[in-house]
Amino acid sequence: MKKLNERKLRWILRELKRGELSIYRIARQQGVTPRWVRKLRNRFRDRSFSEIQIGVCGRPPKPIPKAEKQLILEL
């Protein structure tokens, strides 16, 4: 599955709302599967464009303990 940025996600949802292109054509243009387009439609069905935000992916960074910071600064 291809990672979609916020701009592409908004484009997909806008085209779905317009209804001019089929799900298959939208998926083909963005390089994703029609199933993924349908899942996105269902996920964002009752949200407005201003509410759509993509968060940062991945695990949050582990904080460095103060003792280790002091040890590094002393060197």
Protein backbone atom coordinates (compact mmCIF):
# COMPACT_ATOMS: atom_id res chain seq x y z
CA MET A 1 0.00 0.00 0.00
CA LYS A 2 1.25 3.45 -0.87
CA LYS A 3 1.63 6.12 1.79
CA LEU A 4 -0.66 9.06 1.14
CA ASN A 5 0.23 12.55 2.22
CA GLU A 6 -2.42 15.00 3.39
CA ARG A 7 -2.72 16.66 -0.02
CA LYS A 8 -3.43 13.39 -1.82
CA LEU A 9 -5.88 12.30 0.87
CA ARG A 10 -7.82 15.55 0.51
CA TRP A 11 -7.82 15.14 -3.29
CA ILE A 12 -9.26 11.62 -3.01
CA LEU A 13 -11.99 12.75 -0.62
CA ARG A 14 -12.80 15.78 -2.79
CA GLU A 15 -13.16 13.63 -5.91
CA LEU A 16 -15.35 11.16 -4.04
CA LYS A 17 -17.57 14.02 -2.92
CA ARG A 18 -17.84 15.39 -6.47
CA GLY A 19 -18.85 12.00 -7.81
CA GLU A 20 -17.41 12.57 -11.29
CA LEU A 21 -14.75 9.85 -11.08
CA SER A 22 -15.33 6.26 -10.07
CA ILE A 23 -13.55 4.72 -7.10
CA TYR A 24 -11.52 2.61 -9.50
CA ARG A 25 -10.28 5.65 -11.46
CA ILE A 26 -9.44 7.59 -8.30
CA ALA A 27 -7.47 4.62 -6.98
CA ARG A 28 -5.65 4.16 -10.27
CA GLN A 29 -4.61 7.82 -10.44
CA GLN A 30 -3.22 7.79 -6.90
CA GLY A 31 -1.61 4.36 -7.11
CA VAL A 32 -3.69 2.73 -4.39
CA THR A 33 -6.29 -0.03 -4.42
CA PRO A 34 -10.03 0.62 -4.79
CA ARG A 35 -10.53 -1.11 -1.45
CA TRP A 36 -8.28 1.48 0.25
CA VAL A 37 -10.25 4.33 -1.35
CA ARG A 38 -13.48 2.83 0.00
CA LYS A 39 -11.92 2.48 3.46
CA LEU A 40 -10.84 6.12 3.36
CA ARG A 41 -14.35 7.16 2.31
CA ASN A 42 -15.85 5.28 5.25
CA ARG A 43 -13.25 6.57 7.71
CA PHE A 44 -13.71 10.24 6.79
CA ARG A 45 -17.40 10.14 5.86
CA ASP A 46 -18.67 12.43 8.63
CA ARG A 47 -15.65 14.77 8.90
CA SER A 48 -15.04 18.10 7.21
CA PHE A 49 -11.84 18.94 5.33
CA SER A 50 -10.61 21.13 8.18
CA GLU A 51 -10.71 18.16 10.58
CA ILE A 52 -8.51 15.94 8.41
CA GLN A 53 -4.95 15.79 9.70
CA ILE A 54 -2.29 13.16 9.35
CA GLY A 55 -0.20 12.65 12.46
CA VAL A 56 3.45 11.83 12.72
CA CYS A 57 4.10 8.14 12.10
CA GLY A 58 6.30 5.88 14.15
CA ARG A 59 7.27 5.42 17.73
CA PRO A 60 7.84 8.54 19.82
CA PRO A 61 11.49 9.15 20.70
CA LYS A 62 12.69 7.80 24.04
CA PRO A 63 13.78 10.67 26.31
CA ILE A 64 17.44 10.75 27.38
CA PRO A 65 17.86 10.60 31.17
CA LYS A 66 19.36 13.65 32.88
CA ALA A 67 22.30 11.63 34.22
CA GLU A 68 23.33 10.66 30.69
CA LYS A 69 22.97 14.26 29.49
CA GLN A 70 25.23 15.47 32.29
CA LEU A 71 27.79 12.77 31.51
CA ILE A 72 27.90 13.82 27.85
CA LEU A 73 28.15 17.53 28.68
CA GLU A 74 31.06 16.87 31.05
CA LEU A 75 33.07 15.27 28.25
